[in-house]
Amino acid sequence: MSAPVRGTNVAPFDGWTVAHATTGAACGVLGVPFWAYSLGAIAYELAEYSAEYPHGSPLFGTKRPESIVNVAADMGVGLMSYAVARYVKHGPYARNGLR
């Protein structure tokens, strides 16, 4: 098991922020419907919190559950990267390139 990431689950952005951004971008590029991505992201956050409550999780290398600020940042980063990737891949300029 790796050492816990410093500030994990406390600060708004931590070592897992990149994973949330990458997942959102991948789903946006693949054309996953917004409702499906949102539902999956919310379900994941609930499952993660329940796995970490009350003393953290050896699976994630944490010592406490996520703070509400960290959950909000994870969701925000994922949704923003989804939106940007979806627009770039499937937006009005996607077929003919930027004009």
N, C-alpha and C. Protein backbone atom coordinates (compact mmCIF):
# COMPACT_ATOMS: atom_id res chain seq x y z
N MET A 1 0.85 -1.18 0.00
CA MET A 1 0.00 0.00 0.00
C MET A 1 0.89 1.24 0.00
N SER A 2 0.50 2.22 -0.78
CA SER A 2 1.29 3.44 -0.86
C SER A 2 0.97 4.37 0.31
N ALA A 3 1.87 5.31 0.54
CA ALA A 3 1.68 6.28 1.61
C ALA A 3 0.53 7.21 1.26
N PRO A 4 -0.23 7.68 2.26
CA PRO A 4 -1.33 8.59 1.98
C PRO A 4 -0.84 9.88 1.32
N VAL A 5 -1.62 10.38 0.40
CA VAL A 5 -1.31 11.64 -0.25
C VAL A 5 -1.54 12.75 0.76
N ARG A 6 -0.58 13.65 0.87
CA ARG A 6 -0.68 14.74 1.85
C ARG A 6 -1.90 15.61 1.56
N GLY A 7 -2.70 15.84 2.57
CA GLY A 7 -3.89 16.66 2.42
C GLY A 7 -5.08 15.94 1.80
N THR A 8 -4.94 14.64 1.55
CA THR A 8 -6.02 13.89 0.94
C THR A 8 -7.26 13.96 1.82
N ASN A 9 -8.39 14.26 1.19
CA ASN A 9 -9.71 14.32 1.82
C ASN A 9 -9.93 15.55 2.68
N VAL A 10 -8.96 16.44 2.79
CA VAL A 10 -9.12 17.64 3.60
C VAL A 10 -9.18 18.86 2.68
N ALA A 11 -8.13 19.06 1.91
CA ALA A 11 -8.04 20.21 1.01
C ALA A 11 -9.02 20.02 -0.16
N PRO A 12 -9.43 21.12 -0.80
CA PRO A 12 -10.33 20.99 -1.95
C PRO A 12 -9.71 20.15 -3.08
N PHE A 13 -8.44 20.35 -3.33
CA PHE A 13 -7.76 19.62 -4.40
C PHE A 13 -6.66 18.78 -3.79
N ASP A 14 -6.62 17.51 -4.18
CA ASP A 14 -5.62 16.60 -3.64
C ASP A 14 -5.10 15.71 -4.76
N GLY A 15 -4.43 14.66 -4.41
CA GLY A 15 -3.85 13.77 -5.42
C GLY A 15 -4.88 13.07 -6.30
N TRP A 16 -6.11 12.99 -5.84
CA TRP A 16 -7.16 12.33 -6.61
C TRP A 16 -7.88 13.28 -7.56
N THR A 17 -7.58 14.55 -7.51
CA THR A 17 -8.23 15.52 -8.39
C THR A 17 -7.99 15.19 -9.85
N VAL A 18 -6.77 14.76 -10.16
CA VAL A 18 -6.44 14.40 -11.55
C VAL A 18 -7.30 13.22 -12.02
N ALA A 19 -7.55 12.27 -11.14
CA ALA A 19 -8.39 11.12 -11.51
C ALA A 19 -9.82 11.56 -11.83
N HIS A 20 -10.36 12.48 -11.06
CA HIS A 20 -11.71 12.98 -11.32
C HIS A 20 -11.76 13.76 -12.63
N ALA A 21 -10.75 14.57 -12.89
CA ALA A 21 -10.69 15.34 -14.14
C ALA A 21 -10.56 14.41 -15.34
N THR A 22 -9.73 13.40 -15.23
CA THR A 22 -9.52 12.46 -16.33
C THR A 22 -10.78 11.66 -16.62
N THR A 23 -11.46 11.22 -15.58
CA THR A 23 -12.70 10.46 -15.76
C THR A 23 -13.75 11.32 -16.44
N GLY A 24 -13.90 12.56 -15.99
CA GLY A 24 -14.87 13.46 -16.61
C GLY A 24 -14.55 13.71 -18.08
N ALA A 25 -13.28 13.96 -18.38
CA ALA A 25 -12.88 14.21 -19.76
C ALA A 25 -13.11 12.99 -20.63
N ALA A 26 -12.77 11.81 -20.13
CA ALA A 26 -12.95 10.58 -20.91
C ALA A 26 -14.43 10.35 -21.22
N CYS A 27 -15.28 10.56 -20.24
CA CYS A 27 -16.72 10.37 -20.46
C CYS A 27 -17.26 11.40 -21.44
N GLY A 28 -16.76 12.63 -21.38
CA GLY A 28 -17.18 13.66 -22.32
C GLY A 28 -16.77 13.33 -23.75
N VAL A 29 -15.55 12.87 -23.93
CA VAL A 29 -15.05 12.51 -25.27
C VAL A 29 -15.83 11.32 -25.82
N LEU A 30 -16.12 10.35 -24.96
CA LEU A 30 -16.83 9.16 -25.41
C LEU A 30 -18.32 9.40 -25.65
N GLY A 31 -18.80 10.57 -25.28
CA GLY A 31 -20.21 10.90 -25.53
C GLY A 31 -21.17 10.31 -24.52
N VAL A 32 -20.69 9.99 -23.33
CA VAL A 32 -21.58 9.49 -22.27
C VAL A 32 -22.59 10.59 -21.97
N PRO A 33 -23.88 10.27 -21.91
CA PRO A 33 -24.87 11.31 -21.60
C PRO A 33 -24.58 11.98 -20.25
N PHE A 34 -24.90 13.26 -20.17
CA PHE A 34 -24.62 14.03 -18.96
C PHE A 34 -25.28 13.41 -17.74
N TRP A 35 -26.53 12.99 -17.89
CA TRP A 35 -27.24 12.41 -16.74
C TRP A 35 -26.53 11.15 -16.25
N ALA A 36 -26.03 10.34 -17.17
CA ALA A 36 -25.36 9.09 -16.79
C ALA A 36 -24.03 9.38 -16.09
N TYR A 37 -23.26 10.34 -16.63
CA TYR A 37 -22.00 10.70 -15.98
C TYR A 37 -22.27 11.27 -14.59
N SER A 38 -23.24 12.18 -14.48
CA SER A 38 -23.55 12.80 -13.19
C SER A 38 -24.00 11.76 -12.17
N LEU A 39 -24.89 10.87 -12.59
CA LEU A 39 -25.37 9.82 -11.70
C LEU A 39 -24.22 8.93 -11.23
N GLY A 40 -23.34 8.55 -12.16
CA GLY A 40 -22.19 7.72 -11.80
C GLY A 40 -21.24 8.42 -10.84
N ALA A 41 -21.00 9.71 -11.08
CA ALA A 41 -20.09 10.47 -10.22
C ALA A 41 -20.66 10.62 -8.81
N ILE A 42 -21.96 10.89 -8.72
CA ILE A 42 -22.59 11.02 -7.41
C ILE A 42 -22.58 9.68 -6.68
N ALA A 43 -22.90 8.61 -7.39
CA ALA A 43 -22.88 7.27 -6.78
C ALA A 43 -21.48 6.92 -6.29
N TYR A 44 -20.47 7.26 -7.08
CA TYR A 44 -19.10 6.97 -6.66
C TYR A 44 -18.75 7.74 -5.39
N GLU A 45 -19.08 9.02 -5.33
CA GLU A 45 -18.77 9.82 -4.15
C GLU A 45 -19.48 9.27 -2.91
N LEU A 46 -20.73 8.85 -3.05
CA LEU A 46 -21.44 8.26 -1.92
C LEU A 46 -20.79 6.95 -1.47
N ALA A 47 -20.42 6.11 -2.44
CA ALA A 47 -19.77 4.84 -2.10
C ALA A 47 -18.41 5.08 -1.45
N GLU A 48 -17.67 6.04 -1.97
CA GLU A 48 -16.36 6.35 -1.40
C GLU A 48 -16.49 6.86 0.03
N TYR A 49 -17.46 7.74 0.25
CA TYR A 49 -17.65 8.27 1.60
C TYR A 49 -18.04 7.15 2.56
N SER A 50 -18.93 6.27 2.13
CA SER A 50 -19.35 5.19 3.03
C SER A 50 -18.20 4.22 3.30
N ALA A 51 -17.31 4.03 2.35
CA ALA A 51 -16.15 3.16 2.57
C ALA A 51 -15.14 3.80 3.52
N GLU A 52 -15.09 5.11 3.54
CA GLU A 52 -14.11 5.82 4.37
C GLU A 52 -14.63 6.22 5.75
N TYR A 53 -15.95 6.19 5.94
CA TYR A 53 -16.52 6.64 7.20
C TYR A 53 -16.37 5.56 8.25
N PRO A 54 -15.96 5.83 9.46
CA PRO A 54 -15.55 7.11 10.03
C PRO A 54 -14.04 7.30 10.10
N HIS A 55 -13.25 6.25 9.80
CA HIS A 55 -11.80 6.34 10.06
C HIS A 55 -10.93 6.23 8.82
N GLY A 56 -11.45 6.49 7.65
CA GLY A 56 -10.64 6.39 6.45
C GLY A 56 -10.68 5.00 5.85
N SER A 57 -9.83 4.79 4.86
CA SER A 57 -9.84 3.52 4.14
C SER A 57 -8.43 3.10 3.76
N PRO A 58 -8.05 1.85 4.05
CA PRO A 58 -6.75 1.37 3.60
C PRO A 58 -6.70 1.26 2.07
N LEU A 59 -7.85 1.02 1.43
CA LEU A 59 -7.90 0.94 -0.02
C LEU A 59 -7.46 2.25 -0.68
N PHE A 60 -7.94 3.37 -0.15
CA PHE A 60 -7.59 4.68 -0.69
C PHE A 60 -6.40 5.31 0.01
N GLY A 61 -5.92 4.70 1.08
CA GLY A 61 -4.78 5.25 1.82
C GLY A 61 -5.14 6.51 2.58
N THR A 62 -6.36 6.55 3.13
CA THR A 62 -6.81 7.74 3.85
C THR A 62 -7.06 7.43 5.31
N LYS A 63 -7.04 8.49 6.11
CA LYS A 63 -7.26 8.33 7.55
C LYS A 63 -8.58 8.94 8.01
N ARG A 64 -9.32 9.55 7.08
CA ARG A 64 -10.61 10.16 7.42
C ARG A 64 -11.46 10.24 6.17
N PRO A 65 -12.78 10.38 6.32
CA PRO A 65 -13.63 10.56 5.15
C PRO A 65 -13.39 11.92 4.50
N GLU A 66 -13.86 12.06 3.29
CA GLU A 66 -13.67 13.33 2.57
C GLU A 66 -14.46 14.46 3.23
N SER A 67 -13.87 15.65 3.18
CA SER A 67 -14.60 16.83 3.64
C SER A 67 -15.59 17.23 2.56
N ILE A 68 -16.59 18.00 2.93
CA ILE A 68 -17.59 18.45 1.96
C ILE A 68 -16.93 19.32 0.89
N VAL A 69 -15.90 20.06 1.27
CA VAL A 69 -15.18 20.90 0.30
C VAL A 69 -14.47 20.02 -0.73
N ASN A 70 -13.88 18.91 -0.29
CA ASN A 70 -13.21 18.00 -1.20
C ASN A 70 -14.20 17.32 -2.14
N VAL A 71 -15.35 16.91 -1.61
CA VAL A 71 -16.38 16.29 -2.44
C VAL A 71 -16.87 17.27 -3.50
N ALA A 72 -17.11 18.51 -3.09
CA ALA A 72 -17.58 19.53 -4.03
C ALA A 72 -16.53 19.81 -5.11
N ALA A 73 -15.27 19.87 -4.73
CA ALA A 73 -14.20 20.10 -5.71
C ALA A 73 -14.07 18.92 -6.67
N ASP A 74 -14.15 17.69 -6.14
CA ASP A 74 -14.10 16.50 -7.00
C ASP A 74 -15.22 16.53 -8.03
N MET A 75 -16.43 16.83 -7.58
CA MET A 75 -17.58 16.89 -8.49
C MET A 75 -17.42 18.04 -9.49
N GLY A 76 -16.99 19.19 -9.01
CA GLY A 76 -16.82 20.34 -9.90
C GLY A 76 -15.77 20.11 -10.97
N VAL A 77 -14.64 19.56 -10.58
CA VAL A 77 -13.56 19.29 -11.54
C VAL A 77 -14.02 18.26 -12.57
N GLY A 78 -14.68 17.21 -12.10
CA GLY A 78 -15.16 16.19 -13.02
C GLY A 78 -16.18 16.73 -14.00
N LEU A 79 -17.13 17.51 -13.51
CA LEU A 79 -18.16 18.07 -14.37
C LEU A 79 -17.60 19.09 -15.36
N MET A 80 -16.66 19.90 -14.91
CA MET A 80 -16.05 20.88 -15.82
C MET A 80 -15.24 20.20 -16.92
N SER A 81 -14.45 19.19 -16.55
CA SER A 81 -13.67 18.51 -17.57
C SER A 81 -14.58 17.75 -18.52
N TYR A 82 -15.69 17.20 -18.02
CA TYR A 82 -16.69 16.56 -18.88
C TYR A 82 -17.23 17.57 -19.89
N ALA A 83 -17.65 18.73 -19.39
CA ALA A 83 -18.25 19.74 -20.26
C ALA A 83 -17.27 20.23 -21.33
N VAL A 84 -16.04 20.50 -20.94
CA VAL A 84 -15.04 20.98 -21.91
C VAL A 84 -14.76 19.91 -22.97
N ALA A 85 -14.55 18.68 -22.52
CA ALA A 85 -14.25 17.59 -23.47
C ALA A 85 -15.44 17.33 -24.39
N ARG A 86 -16.63 17.36 -23.85
CA ARG A 86 -17.83 17.13 -24.65
C ARG A 86 -17.99 18.22 -25.71
N TYR A 87 -17.74 19.46 -25.32
CA TYR A 87 -17.85 20.57 -26.27
C TYR A 87 -16.79 20.47 -27.36
N VAL A 88 -15.56 20.18 -26.98
CA VAL A 88 -14.48 20.10 -27.97
C VAL A 88 -14.72 18.93 -28.94
N LYS A 89 -15.14 17.79 -28.42
CA LYS A 89 -15.32 16.61 -29.25
C LYS A 89 -16.63 16.62 -30.03
N HIS A 90 -17.70 17.11 -29.43
CA HIS A 90 -19.02 17.00 -30.02
C HIS A 90 -19.71 18.34 -30.26
N GLY A 91 -19.01 19.45 -30.02
CA GLY A 91 -19.61 20.77 -30.15
C GLY A 91 -19.76 21.23 -31.59
N PRO A 92 -20.18 22.47 -31.79
CA PRO A 92 -20.48 22.97 -33.14
C PRO A 92 -19.27 23.04 -34.06
N TYR A 93 -18.08 23.09 -33.52
CA TYR A 93 -16.89 23.18 -34.37
C TYR A 93 -16.17 21.85 -34.55
N ALA A 94 -16.72 20.80 -34.01
CA ALA A 94 -16.04 19.50 -34.01
C ALA A 94 -15.90 18.90 -35.40
N ARG A 95 -16.87 19.04 -36.26
CA ARG A 95 -16.83 18.37 -37.57
C ARG A 95 -15.94 19.07 -38.59
N ASN A 96 -15.95 20.38 -38.59
CA ASN A 96 -15.20 21.12 -39.61
C ASN A 96 -13.98 21.83 -39.06
N GLY A 97 -13.64 21.56 -37.83
CA GLY A 97 -12.51 22.27 -37.24
C GLY A 97 -12.92 23.67 -36.81
N LEU A 98 -12.06 24.35 -36.10
CA LEU A 98 -12.37 25.71 -35.65
C LEU A 98 -12.39 26.65 -36.84
N ARG A 99 -13.34 27.55 -36.85
CA ARG A 99 -13.46 28.51 -37.97
C ARG A 99 -12.95 29.85 -37.56
